N, C-alpha and C. Protein backbone atom coordinates (compact mmCIF):
# COMPACT_ATOMS: atom_id res chain seq x y z
N UNK A 1 -41.99 -134.39 98.57
CA UNK A 1 -42.30 -133.24 99.40
C UNK A 1 -42.66 -132.08 98.60
N UNK A 2 -41.72 -131.63 97.68
CA UNK A 2 -41.93 -130.46 96.88
C UNK A 2 -41.55 -130.59 95.58
N UNK A 3 -42.41 -130.27 94.53
CA UNK A 3 -42.07 -130.26 93.29
C UNK A 3 -41.72 -128.98 92.67
N UNK A 4 -42.20 -127.94 93.38
CA UNK A 4 -41.98 -126.57 92.81
C UNK A 4 -41.12 -125.61 93.55
N UNK A 5 -40.95 -125.92 94.82
CA UNK A 5 -40.03 -125.15 95.59
C UNK A 5 -39.09 -125.94 96.37
N UNK A 6 -37.92 -125.24 96.54
CA UNK A 6 -36.91 -126.05 97.35
C UNK A 6 -37.21 -125.95 98.92
N UNK A 7 -36.91 -127.15 99.38
CA UNK A 7 -37.12 -127.15 100.84
C UNK A 7 -35.90 -127.79 101.44
N UNK A 8 -35.53 -127.31 102.65
CA UNK A 8 -34.26 -127.71 103.29
C UNK A 8 -34.72 -128.03 104.77
N UNK A 9 -34.22 -129.32 105.08
CA UNK A 9 -34.35 -129.71 106.36
C UNK A 9 -33.00 -129.85 107.17
N UNK A 10 -32.98 -129.16 108.23
CA UNK A 10 -31.70 -129.22 109.09
C UNK A 10 -32.06 -129.90 110.28
N UNK A 11 -31.33 -131.03 110.46
CA UNK A 11 -31.60 -131.88 111.65
C UNK A 11 -30.22 -132.02 112.36
N UNK A 12 -30.25 -131.55 113.70
CA UNK A 12 -28.95 -131.56 114.40
C UNK A 12 -29.08 -132.67 115.60
N UNK A 13 -27.87 -132.96 115.92
CA UNK A 13 -27.79 -133.92 117.13
C UNK A 13 -28.63 -135.27 117.01
N UNK A 14 -28.51 -135.70 115.62
CA UNK A 14 -29.21 -136.98 115.38
C UNK A 14 -28.80 -138.24 116.12
N UNK A 15 -27.56 -138.16 116.79
CA UNK A 15 -27.12 -139.23 117.68
C UNK A 15 -28.08 -139.44 118.89
N UNK A 16 -28.87 -138.33 119.15
CA UNK A 16 -29.75 -138.42 120.33
C UNK A 16 -31.26 -138.88 119.90
N UNK A 17 -31.54 -139.00 118.57
CA UNK A 17 -32.79 -139.27 118.05
C UNK A 17 -33.25 -140.66 118.53
N UNK A 18 -34.52 -140.78 118.81
CA UNK A 18 -35.18 -142.11 119.04
C UNK A 18 -35.32 -142.76 117.80
N UNK A 19 -35.48 -144.25 117.94
CA UNK A 19 -35.57 -145.03 116.74
C UNK A 19 -36.76 -144.62 115.84
N UNK A 20 -37.92 -144.20 116.35
CA UNK A 20 -39.25 -143.78 115.52
C UNK A 20 -38.84 -142.71 114.83
N UNK A 21 -38.01 -141.65 115.38
CA UNK A 21 -37.75 -140.56 114.60
C UNK A 21 -36.76 -140.71 113.45
N UNK A 22 -35.78 -141.75 113.71
CA UNK A 22 -34.81 -142.16 112.69
C UNK A 22 -35.49 -142.82 111.68
N UNK A 23 -36.56 -143.63 112.02
CA UNK A 23 -37.27 -144.28 110.80
C UNK A 23 -38.08 -143.37 110.07
N UNK A 24 -38.66 -142.29 110.60
CA UNK A 24 -39.27 -141.25 109.89
C UNK A 24 -38.35 -140.55 109.00
N UNK A 25 -37.17 -140.15 109.45
CA UNK A 25 -36.19 -139.52 108.60
C UNK A 25 -35.67 -140.29 107.38
N UNK A 26 -35.46 -141.76 107.70
CA UNK A 26 -35.30 -142.63 106.46
C UNK A 26 -36.28 -142.66 105.61
N UNK A 27 -37.51 -142.80 106.01
CA UNK A 27 -38.65 -142.63 105.12
C UNK A 27 -38.72 -141.39 104.31
N UNK A 28 -38.36 -140.32 104.88
CA UNK A 28 -38.49 -139.10 104.18
C UNK A 28 -37.33 -139.04 103.01
N UNK A 29 -36.23 -139.59 103.44
CA UNK A 29 -35.10 -139.65 102.56
C UNK A 29 -35.40 -140.61 101.35
N UNK A 30 -36.12 -141.73 101.61
CA UNK A 30 -36.47 -142.67 100.57
C UNK A 30 -37.45 -141.96 99.55
N UNK A 31 -38.35 -141.17 100.13
CA UNK A 31 -39.33 -140.58 99.30
C UNK A 31 -38.80 -139.29 98.62
N UNK A 32 -37.70 -138.91 98.85
CA UNK A 32 -37.14 -137.69 98.20
C UNK A 32 -35.82 -137.99 97.38
N UNK A 33 -35.44 -139.23 97.30
CA UNK A 33 -34.08 -139.36 96.71
C UNK A 33 -34.08 -139.07 95.27
N UNK A 34 -35.05 -139.05 94.41
CA UNK A 34 -35.12 -138.49 93.26
C UNK A 34 -35.36 -137.14 93.02
N UNK A 35 -35.67 -136.42 93.93
CA UNK A 35 -36.07 -134.98 93.90
C UNK A 35 -34.82 -134.01 94.21
N UNK A 36 -34.66 -133.09 93.28
CA UNK A 36 -33.57 -132.15 93.46
C UNK A 36 -34.09 -130.87 94.10
N UNK A 37 -35.32 -130.86 94.72
CA UNK A 37 -35.98 -129.88 95.38
C UNK A 37 -35.85 -129.97 96.89
N UNK A 38 -35.47 -130.93 97.35
CA UNK A 38 -35.41 -131.39 98.75
C UNK A 38 -33.97 -131.56 99.24
N UNK A 39 -33.60 -130.90 100.28
CA UNK A 39 -32.24 -130.92 100.80
C UNK A 39 -32.22 -131.38 102.29
N UNK A 40 -31.36 -132.27 102.64
CA UNK A 40 -31.28 -132.65 104.06
C UNK A 40 -29.83 -132.33 104.55
N UNK A 41 -29.85 -131.55 105.61
CA UNK A 41 -28.49 -131.47 106.27
C UNK A 41 -28.72 -132.17 107.58
N UNK A 42 -28.00 -133.19 107.84
CA UNK A 42 -28.20 -134.02 109.19
C UNK A 42 -26.79 -134.00 109.76
N UNK A 43 -26.83 -133.54 111.13
CA UNK A 43 -25.65 -133.36 111.85
C UNK A 43 -25.54 -134.49 113.08
N UNK A 44 -24.32 -134.83 113.32
CA UNK A 44 -24.20 -135.48 114.70
C UNK A 44 -22.83 -135.43 115.08
N UNK A 45 -22.57 -135.84 116.39
CA UNK A 45 -21.18 -135.75 116.91
C UNK A 45 -20.75 -137.08 117.13
N UNK A 46 -19.62 -137.42 116.40
CA UNK A 46 -18.97 -138.79 116.61
C UNK A 46 -18.66 -139.19 118.00
N UNK A 47 -18.34 -138.23 118.82
CA UNK A 47 -17.92 -138.61 120.20
C UNK A 47 -19.13 -138.89 121.07
N UNK A 48 -20.30 -138.66 120.65
CA UNK A 48 -21.51 -139.04 121.40
C UNK A 48 -22.19 -140.35 121.11
N UNK A 49 -21.59 -141.06 120.09
CA UNK A 49 -22.27 -142.28 119.58
C UNK A 49 -21.88 -143.46 120.39
N UNK A 50 -22.68 -144.31 120.73
CA UNK A 50 -22.38 -145.59 121.38
C UNK A 50 -22.47 -146.63 120.39
N UNK A 51 -21.62 -147.62 120.38
CA UNK A 51 -21.58 -148.70 119.41
C UNK A 51 -22.87 -149.63 119.72
N UNK A 52 -23.47 -149.87 118.77
CA UNK A 52 -24.62 -150.78 118.78
C UNK A 52 -26.00 -150.02 119.10
N UNK A 53 -25.83 -148.58 119.22
CA UNK A 53 -27.01 -147.72 119.44
C UNK A 53 -27.79 -147.81 118.25
N UNK A 54 -29.16 -147.40 118.31
CA UNK A 54 -29.97 -147.23 117.33
C UNK A 54 -29.48 -146.36 116.10
N UNK A 55 -28.84 -145.34 116.55
CA UNK A 55 -28.23 -144.38 115.61
C UNK A 55 -27.14 -144.98 114.63
N UNK A 56 -26.31 -145.76 115.31
CA UNK A 56 -25.28 -146.47 114.43
C UNK A 56 -25.83 -147.45 113.47
N UNK A 57 -26.94 -148.20 113.83
CA UNK A 57 -27.44 -149.13 112.91
C UNK A 57 -28.25 -148.29 111.78
N UNK A 58 -28.93 -147.18 112.20
CA UNK A 58 -29.60 -146.35 111.16
C UNK A 58 -28.57 -145.81 110.24
N UNK A 59 -27.48 -145.41 110.68
CA UNK A 59 -26.47 -144.81 109.86
C UNK A 59 -25.96 -145.70 108.83
N UNK A 60 -25.85 -146.84 109.16
CA UNK A 60 -25.24 -147.88 108.26
C UNK A 60 -26.44 -148.25 107.31
N UNK A 61 -27.58 -148.19 107.64
CA UNK A 61 -28.77 -148.49 106.75
C UNK A 61 -29.14 -147.50 105.70
N UNK A 62 -28.72 -146.30 105.95
CA UNK A 62 -29.01 -145.22 104.90
C UNK A 62 -27.91 -145.13 103.85
N UNK A 63 -27.08 -146.07 103.80
CA UNK A 63 -26.07 -145.99 102.76
C UNK A 63 -26.64 -146.27 101.43
N UNK A 64 -27.88 -146.63 101.21
CA UNK A 64 -28.50 -146.82 100.05
C UNK A 64 -28.99 -145.55 99.25
N UNK A 65 -28.97 -144.44 100.15
CA UNK A 65 -29.24 -143.18 99.53
C UNK A 65 -28.04 -142.41 99.07
N UNK A 66 -28.23 -141.59 98.08
CA UNK A 66 -26.98 -140.75 97.74
C UNK A 66 -26.64 -139.76 98.79
N UNK A 67 -25.72 -139.90 99.41
CA UNK A 67 -25.15 -139.06 100.52
C UNK A 67 -23.83 -138.42 100.23
N UNK A 68 -23.71 -137.32 100.76
CA UNK A 68 -22.35 -136.69 100.81
C UNK A 68 -22.05 -136.49 102.27
N UNK A 69 -20.93 -136.88 102.69
CA UNK A 69 -20.45 -136.81 104.07
C UNK A 69 -19.47 -135.66 104.04
N UNK A 70 -19.60 -134.91 105.06
CA UNK A 70 -18.67 -133.86 105.38
C UNK A 70 -18.25 -133.99 106.81
N UNK A 71 -17.02 -134.16 107.12
CA UNK A 71 -16.60 -134.35 108.51
C UNK A 71 -15.99 -132.98 108.84
N UNK A 72 -16.44 -132.47 109.85
CA UNK A 72 -15.94 -131.14 110.47
C UNK A 72 -14.98 -131.32 111.64
N UNK A 73 -13.96 -130.65 111.58
CA UNK A 73 -12.93 -130.89 112.71
C UNK A 73 -12.77 -129.66 113.60
N UNK A 74 -12.28 -129.74 114.73
CA UNK A 74 -12.10 -128.76 115.64
C UNK A 74 -11.20 -127.51 115.01
N UNK A 75 -11.26 -126.31 115.48
CA UNK A 75 -10.75 -125.27 114.86
C UNK A 75 -9.15 -125.35 115.26
N UNK A 76 -8.17 -125.12 114.32
CA UNK A 76 -6.77 -125.20 114.66
C UNK A 76 -6.27 -123.97 115.55
N UNK A 77 -5.07 -123.98 116.04
CA UNK A 77 -4.58 -122.99 116.90
C UNK A 77 -4.67 -121.69 116.04
N UNK A 78 -4.27 -121.76 114.96
CA UNK A 78 -4.25 -120.44 113.91
C UNK A 78 -5.68 -120.07 113.66
N UNK A 79 -6.65 -121.07 113.48
CA UNK A 79 -8.15 -120.49 113.36
C UNK A 79 -8.62 -119.81 114.49
N UNK A 80 -8.16 -120.43 115.68
CA UNK A 80 -8.63 -119.79 116.96
C UNK A 80 -8.06 -118.37 117.11
N UNK A 81 -6.81 -118.16 116.80
CA UNK A 81 -6.23 -116.90 116.81
C UNK A 81 -6.89 -115.99 115.82
N UNK A 82 -7.29 -116.46 114.59
CA UNK A 82 -7.91 -115.58 113.70
C UNK A 82 -9.28 -115.13 114.21
N UNK A 83 -10.01 -116.13 114.84
CA UNK A 83 -11.29 -115.83 115.47
C UNK A 83 -11.07 -114.77 116.62
N UNK A 84 -10.13 -115.07 117.59
CA UNK A 84 -10.08 -114.06 118.54
C UNK A 84 -9.48 -112.80 118.09
N UNK A 85 -8.66 -112.71 117.14
CA UNK A 85 -8.21 -111.51 116.56
C UNK A 85 -9.45 -110.68 116.10
N UNK A 86 -10.16 -111.36 115.14
CA UNK A 86 -11.36 -110.66 114.64
C UNK A 86 -12.42 -110.18 115.71
N UNK A 87 -12.56 -111.00 116.55
CA UNK A 87 -13.54 -110.73 117.69
C UNK A 87 -13.14 -109.51 118.48
N UNK A 88 -11.84 -109.34 118.81
CA UNK A 88 -11.44 -108.32 119.69
C UNK A 88 -10.94 -107.18 118.81
N UNK A 89 -10.89 -107.29 117.50
CA UNK A 89 -10.45 -106.11 116.62
C UNK A 89 -8.92 -105.82 116.93
N UNK A 90 -8.17 -106.88 117.10
CA UNK A 90 -6.78 -106.65 117.34
C UNK A 90 -5.94 -107.47 116.36
N UNK A 91 -4.57 -107.13 116.21
CA UNK A 91 -3.73 -107.86 115.38
C UNK A 91 -3.57 -109.30 115.86
N UNK A 92 -3.44 -110.19 114.93
CA UNK A 92 -3.32 -111.51 115.38
C UNK A 92 -1.89 -111.77 116.15
N UNK A 93 -0.95 -110.94 115.86
CA UNK A 93 0.30 -110.94 116.68
C UNK A 93 -0.01 -110.64 118.10
N UNK A 94 -0.96 -109.82 118.37
CA UNK A 94 -1.27 -109.44 119.73
C UNK A 94 -1.94 -110.44 120.50
N UNK A 95 -2.98 -111.15 119.77
CA UNK A 95 -3.93 -112.14 120.30
C UNK A 95 -3.40 -113.47 120.42
N UNK A 96 -2.23 -113.72 119.77
CA UNK A 96 -1.68 -115.20 119.63
C UNK A 96 -1.45 -115.78 121.00
N UNK A 97 -0.85 -115.19 121.98
CA UNK A 97 -0.77 -115.76 123.31
C UNK A 97 -2.16 -116.24 123.95
N UNK A 98 -3.05 -115.31 123.96
CA UNK A 98 -4.46 -115.58 124.41
C UNK A 98 -5.05 -116.79 123.64
N UNK A 99 -4.94 -116.68 122.29
CA UNK A 99 -5.50 -117.68 121.51
C UNK A 99 -4.93 -119.08 121.74
N UNK A 100 -3.66 -119.08 122.00
CA UNK A 100 -2.99 -120.41 122.33
C UNK A 100 -3.49 -121.08 123.55
N UNK A 101 -3.74 -120.11 124.62
CA UNK A 101 -4.35 -120.60 125.88
C UNK A 101 -5.79 -121.16 125.68
N UNK A 102 -6.53 -120.37 124.90
CA UNK A 102 -8.01 -120.66 124.57
C UNK A 102 -8.08 -122.04 123.80
N UNK A 103 -7.19 -122.11 122.90
CA UNK A 103 -7.05 -123.41 122.10
C UNK A 103 -6.85 -124.61 123.02
N UNK A 104 -5.84 -124.35 123.92
CA UNK A 104 -5.44 -125.50 124.79
C UNK A 104 -6.72 -125.97 125.74
N UNK A 105 -7.46 -124.96 126.20
CA UNK A 105 -8.67 -125.09 127.11
C UNK A 105 -9.73 -125.67 126.39
N UNK A 106 -10.01 -125.42 125.21
CA UNK A 106 -11.16 -125.77 124.43
C UNK A 106 -10.88 -126.92 123.45
N UNK A 107 -9.71 -127.03 123.13
CA UNK A 107 -9.36 -128.16 122.01
C UNK A 107 -9.74 -127.69 120.73
N UNK A 108 -10.12 -126.49 120.60
CA UNK A 108 -10.61 -125.80 119.26
C UNK A 108 -12.15 -126.07 119.13
N UNK A 109 -12.81 -126.54 119.98
CA UNK A 109 -14.28 -126.79 119.78
C UNK A 109 -14.95 -125.42 119.66
N UNK A 110 -15.57 -125.13 118.60
CA UNK A 110 -16.05 -123.81 118.33
C UNK A 110 -17.18 -123.27 119.36
N UNK A 111 -18.03 -124.14 119.78
CA UNK A 111 -19.08 -123.73 120.60
C UNK A 111 -18.36 -123.51 122.13
N UNK A 112 -17.47 -124.32 122.43
CA UNK A 112 -16.81 -124.20 123.71
C UNK A 112 -16.00 -122.94 123.72
N UNK A 113 -15.26 -122.66 122.48
CA UNK A 113 -14.48 -121.41 122.44
C UNK A 113 -15.32 -120.15 122.58
N UNK A 114 -16.44 -120.16 121.81
CA UNK A 114 -17.40 -119.08 121.84
C UNK A 114 -17.95 -118.80 123.29
N UNK A 115 -18.28 -119.91 123.81
CA UNK A 115 -18.80 -119.79 125.30
C UNK A 115 -17.78 -119.30 126.37
N UNK A 116 -16.56 -119.83 126.00
CA UNK A 116 -15.55 -119.38 126.91
C UNK A 116 -15.17 -117.95 126.80
N UNK A 117 -15.00 -117.45 125.68
CA UNK A 117 -14.77 -116.06 125.33
C UNK A 117 -15.80 -115.12 126.05
N UNK A 118 -17.10 -115.60 125.91
CA UNK A 118 -18.28 -114.67 126.42
C UNK A 118 -18.05 -114.81 128.01
N UNK A 119 -17.74 -115.92 128.47
CA UNK A 119 -17.70 -116.16 129.94
C UNK A 119 -16.46 -115.30 130.56
N UNK A 120 -15.31 -115.32 129.83
CA UNK A 120 -14.13 -114.47 130.30
C UNK A 120 -14.49 -113.00 130.22
N UNK A 121 -15.12 -112.56 129.22
CA UNK A 121 -15.59 -111.15 129.13
C UNK A 121 -16.59 -110.88 130.26
N UNK A 122 -17.55 -111.79 130.53
CA UNK A 122 -18.54 -111.51 131.58
C UNK A 122 -17.87 -111.49 132.89
N UNK A 123 -16.89 -112.22 133.30
CA UNK A 123 -16.26 -112.39 134.54
C UNK A 123 -15.16 -111.28 134.65
N UNK A 124 -14.84 -110.39 133.61
CA UNK A 124 -13.95 -109.27 133.64
C UNK A 124 -12.56 -109.86 133.39
N UNK A 125 -12.24 -111.04 133.01
CA UNK A 125 -10.93 -111.52 132.59
C UNK A 125 -10.43 -110.96 131.24
N UNK A 126 -11.36 -110.67 130.23
CA UNK A 126 -11.21 -109.83 129.16
C UNK A 126 -12.05 -108.57 129.28
N UNK A 127 -11.33 -107.45 128.99
CA UNK A 127 -11.94 -106.26 129.38
C UNK A 127 -11.57 -105.17 128.40
N UNK A 128 -12.25 -104.17 128.40
CA UNK A 128 -12.08 -103.00 127.52
C UNK A 128 -11.10 -101.98 128.30
N UNK A 129 -9.92 -101.88 127.83
CA UNK A 129 -8.92 -101.00 128.51
C UNK A 129 -9.16 -99.46 127.98
N UNK A 130 -9.03 -98.49 128.86
CA UNK A 130 -9.35 -97.19 128.56
C UNK A 130 -8.11 -96.50 127.74
N UNK A 131 -6.88 -96.82 128.25
CA UNK A 131 -5.77 -96.21 127.60
C UNK A 131 -4.62 -97.23 127.45
N UNK A 132 -4.29 -97.67 126.25
CA UNK A 132 -4.86 -97.30 125.01
C UNK A 132 -6.31 -98.18 124.83
N UNK A 133 -7.19 -97.42 124.17
CA UNK A 133 -8.51 -98.07 124.01
C UNK A 133 -8.59 -99.24 123.21
N UNK A 134 -8.61 -100.42 123.89
CA UNK A 134 -8.45 -101.78 123.16
C UNK A 134 -8.88 -102.74 124.07
N UNK A 135 -9.26 -103.95 123.72
CA UNK A 135 -9.49 -105.10 124.64
C UNK A 135 -8.18 -105.63 125.11
N UNK A 136 -8.19 -106.00 126.41
CA UNK A 136 -7.10 -106.45 127.09
C UNK A 136 -7.48 -107.55 128.02
N UNK A 137 -6.55 -108.31 128.51
CA UNK A 137 -6.82 -109.55 129.38
C UNK A 137 -5.43 -109.76 130.36
N UNK A 138 -5.75 -110.36 131.37
CA UNK A 138 -4.67 -110.86 132.24
C UNK A 138 -4.32 -112.19 132.03
N UNK A 139 -3.24 -112.40 131.25
CA UNK A 139 -3.05 -113.75 130.75
C UNK A 139 -2.73 -114.83 131.93
N UNK A 140 -2.22 -114.35 132.92
CA UNK A 140 -1.99 -115.14 134.14
C UNK A 140 -3.20 -115.75 134.91
N UNK A 141 -4.22 -114.76 134.92
CA UNK A 141 -5.51 -115.16 135.46
C UNK A 141 -6.21 -116.31 134.63
N UNK A 142 -6.10 -116.00 133.32
CA UNK A 142 -6.74 -116.89 132.43
C UNK A 142 -6.10 -118.22 132.32
N UNK A 143 -4.77 -118.30 132.43
CA UNK A 143 -4.12 -119.56 132.43
C UNK A 143 -4.43 -120.36 133.85
N UNK A 144 -4.53 -119.63 134.87
CA UNK A 144 -4.80 -120.24 136.24
C UNK A 144 -6.34 -120.51 136.64
N UNK A 145 -6.98 -119.99 135.55
CA UNK A 145 -8.51 -120.02 135.85
C UNK A 145 -9.09 -121.57 136.05
N UNK A 146 -9.74 -121.83 137.16
CA UNK A 146 -10.21 -123.17 137.38
C UNK A 146 -11.45 -123.18 136.70
N UNK A 147 -11.56 -124.07 135.64
CA UNK A 147 -12.69 -124.13 134.85
C UNK A 147 -12.85 -125.67 134.36
N UNK A 148 -14.00 -125.96 133.99
CA UNK A 148 -14.31 -127.31 133.39
C UNK A 148 -13.62 -127.39 132.07
N UNK A 149 -13.40 -128.77 131.80
CA UNK A 149 -12.72 -129.02 130.52
C UNK A 149 -13.72 -129.31 129.40
N UNK A 150 -15.11 -129.12 129.66
CA UNK A 150 -16.00 -129.26 128.60
C UNK A 150 -16.96 -128.28 128.54
N UNK A 151 -17.68 -128.20 127.40
CA UNK A 151 -18.58 -127.10 127.18
C UNK A 151 -19.88 -127.24 127.98
N UNK A 152 -20.37 -128.56 128.20
CA UNK A 152 -21.54 -128.73 128.87
C UNK A 152 -21.43 -128.02 130.50
N UNK A 153 -20.28 -128.41 131.02
CA UNK A 153 -20.07 -127.95 132.38
C UNK A 153 -19.96 -126.49 132.30
N UNK A 154 -19.32 -125.76 131.36
CA UNK A 154 -19.42 -124.47 131.31
C UNK A 154 -20.67 -123.81 131.16
N UNK A 155 -21.48 -124.32 130.28
CA UNK A 155 -22.99 -123.87 130.10
C UNK A 155 -23.74 -124.05 131.29
N UNK A 156 -23.56 -125.14 132.00
CA UNK A 156 -24.28 -125.26 133.26
C UNK A 156 -23.93 -124.29 134.32
N UNK A 157 -22.61 -123.94 134.37
CA UNK A 157 -22.07 -122.89 135.20
C UNK A 157 -22.64 -121.55 134.82
N UNK A 158 -22.71 -121.38 133.52
CA UNK A 158 -23.30 -120.05 133.04
C UNK A 158 -24.65 -119.93 133.39
N UNK A 159 -25.46 -121.12 133.26
CA UNK A 159 -26.94 -120.96 133.59
C UNK A 159 -27.19 -120.83 135.04
N UNK A 160 -26.36 -121.29 135.84
CA UNK A 160 -26.52 -121.14 137.42
C UNK A 160 -26.45 -119.67 137.74
N UNK A 161 -25.70 -118.88 136.89
CA UNK A 161 -25.56 -117.39 137.15
C UNK A 161 -26.83 -116.59 136.72
N UNK A 162 -27.68 -117.15 135.89
CA UNK A 162 -28.96 -116.49 135.56
C UNK A 162 -29.80 -116.22 136.71
N UNK A 163 -30.77 -115.30 136.54
CA UNK A 163 -31.74 -114.89 137.54
C UNK A 163 -32.61 -116.21 137.71
N UNK A 164 -33.03 -116.39 139.09
CA UNK A 164 -33.84 -117.65 139.45
C UNK A 164 -34.97 -117.74 138.65
N UNK A 165 -35.67 -116.66 138.31
CA UNK A 165 -36.84 -116.80 137.49
C UNK A 165 -36.73 -117.24 135.93
N UNK A 166 -35.45 -116.80 135.52
CA UNK A 166 -35.14 -117.20 134.28
C UNK A 166 -34.80 -118.76 134.18
N UNK A 167 -34.10 -119.09 135.23
CA UNK A 167 -33.74 -120.61 135.42
C UNK A 167 -35.11 -121.31 135.46
N UNK A 168 -35.97 -120.99 136.14
CA UNK A 168 -37.24 -121.67 136.26
C UNK A 168 -37.93 -121.75 134.86
N UNK A 169 -37.85 -120.62 134.17
CA UNK A 169 -38.50 -120.61 132.87
C UNK A 169 -37.79 -121.67 131.88
N UNK A 170 -36.52 -121.83 131.97
CA UNK A 170 -35.68 -122.74 131.21
C UNK A 170 -36.08 -124.05 131.67
N UNK A 171 -36.20 -124.33 132.88
CA UNK A 171 -36.52 -125.69 133.38
C UNK A 171 -37.97 -126.07 132.82
N UNK A 172 -38.89 -125.26 132.89
CA UNK A 172 -40.24 -125.50 132.36
C UNK A 172 -40.12 -125.71 130.85
N UNK A 173 -39.39 -124.95 130.10
CA UNK A 173 -39.46 -125.01 128.63
C UNK A 173 -38.64 -126.32 128.39
N UNK A 174 -37.87 -126.75 129.10
CA UNK A 174 -37.01 -127.97 128.77
C UNK A 174 -37.81 -129.25 128.86
N UNK A 175 -38.89 -129.18 129.64
CA UNK A 175 -39.95 -130.23 129.72
C UNK A 175 -40.76 -130.42 128.49
N UNK A 176 -40.91 -129.15 127.67
CA UNK A 176 -41.65 -129.20 126.39
C UNK A 176 -40.85 -129.82 125.19
N UNK A 177 -39.47 -129.94 125.45
CA UNK A 177 -38.73 -130.56 124.34
C UNK A 177 -38.12 -129.54 123.66
């Protein structure tokens, strides 16, 4: 593909790729296995893979290429606390109870955590306090908050809050891929 410039391909959610796309990717991998100028970063979610799917067969067939596999885990409770502390510009000691609840609700899924934090702020459950001037929250409301246990349902709920014209635009754009 490139002999003079470095090229990087980032392919996400490969578990949903159709067989023709997977074949194309394998072909690209075979044509570049000797090149140090081409880099592929391919991502997939283990929990979305069905046994016997085209993706599982493809995944086992590409073992002939030099691959480095990196498995990413969900964020630990301490990691969630660090993220919440940095996001809210507060001491980890102060954010620890909130972070513990958020970790419990999201299982440390980074996307779910970010979306939940945004949703809690948008709904006023996390708010800027005037005195003292810092972020605050009502821990009991957050604990008792009736919410979905997955990020897709949360995103759908958030999308339903968008202006109807914007929702229509998203629907039209989704038909284009």
